[in-house]
Amino acid sequence: MINSMNRQIGIPCVMMRGGTSRGPFFLASDLPARPAERDALLLSVMGAGNDLGIDGIGGGNPLTSKVAIVGPATRAGADVDYLFAQVRVQEGVVDTSPNCGNMLAAVGPFAIESGLVPAANGVTVVRIHNVNTGKLIEARIQTPGGQVAYEGEAVIDGVPGTAAPIHLAFLDAAGANTGRLLPTGSPVDLIDGIAVSCVDAAIPVMLVRAADLGKTGYEAVDSFRSDREFMARLEALRVEAGRRMGFPNAAGMVIPKPVLLAPPTRGGTLTVRYFMPHDCHRAMAITGAVATATACTIPETVAAALVGRFTMPGDITFEHPAGRLTVRLEAGDGQSAPTAGILRTARRLFEGTVFARPSTPSRTAMAA
């Protein structure tokens, strides 16, 4: 709707936490169909032009500058479509090239409460078509009495308190963006003398041993941001890895994601530092966890070399800055990558109308 007094554009919106991320959820029918018009509205809603998103509802961090757009399924075997958008408020860019597995955790509850999927009594299975990658993910939502339950006893590191469990199964994650599990055709590539593994499962990642870049892999999140020399080197490696994976303009994209790997210190499988890509994640992205866990099953990758022999079915547990995250891997029938299962939680935070300006600031104004 449009407010006739000030001409602001009102859009129905639900703010939700999904896993360790947060952002507005929209029905696709409430947004313009044309991507350019849709993205202009999203930039205004999230507060484009300021790194804090001060004139919108962005949270001043990549983890809270995310948008989910949900609608009826457009492919067989799915219940709903889910388009993820990473809004880079400072640059004024809406990037729909990646998927987000944390926001994905809230798609099922949102779809049920929006009337897109009927609720069963007990557990409702929602098959989600991720439009970004064309992949299917199965979500199991707690719906006692036909109502979405948010309260429960499940705990995920990086989120305070407990909540109802949401089980996600990535049914065939291989080649999410490139069409190939190993986009370069090799489990290991040398870039500027550094061994990296380029893997595409749920999301394209570039895996590298932290020690090979002069890091331990156990550093605090904020320490990376202040190490400009390291960040510049990591970005150069990422951009070249992206070029080899088939992304000639990787410098302007958020994929591939760099992941630093180190041996575990708390009984897990690997220690990880995941980048988004220009800042270190305060926990671990779900899609990044799926990709990194899958790499552990591929002989000769950087990850497999650190983990050693791994037999499915089994668990890969990542030690990340906020705690731990476990991925359950099971062999899929005729699939090039295993099925990956992850426990998440979600919460509905508020609902109402969010207002966008009728026009967004120009890129010149944003840079000023």
Foldseek 3Di string as FASTA:
>chain_A
DADPVARWDKFWWFWKWFFLATEIEHEQVRADPDPVRRLFQLLQQQQALDLCSVNHQAHSDQRRQKYWYKYADPDPPFQIEIFIWRARRLQSDTARQADFVRVVRCRVLVCCVVPSDFFDAAWDWGWYQYPNQRFIKIKIFGQHVRHGFFADADDDFNDPDGTDKIKIKRAFFFCRRQPHQQLLPDLWDADPNFTWGFGGGSATEIEGAQVSLVHQLQDAFVVVLVPVVSLVVVLVVQQVSCVSSPNPVCVPHQPPKYKYWHCDDPPFQIEIFTPSHRGTDQFDTPSRVQSLVQSCCDPPHPSVVSRDDDDPQDWHWYQYNRGIWIWGFHCHVPHPTTIIMGMIHMDTDDIDIGIGGPGDDDSVSSVD
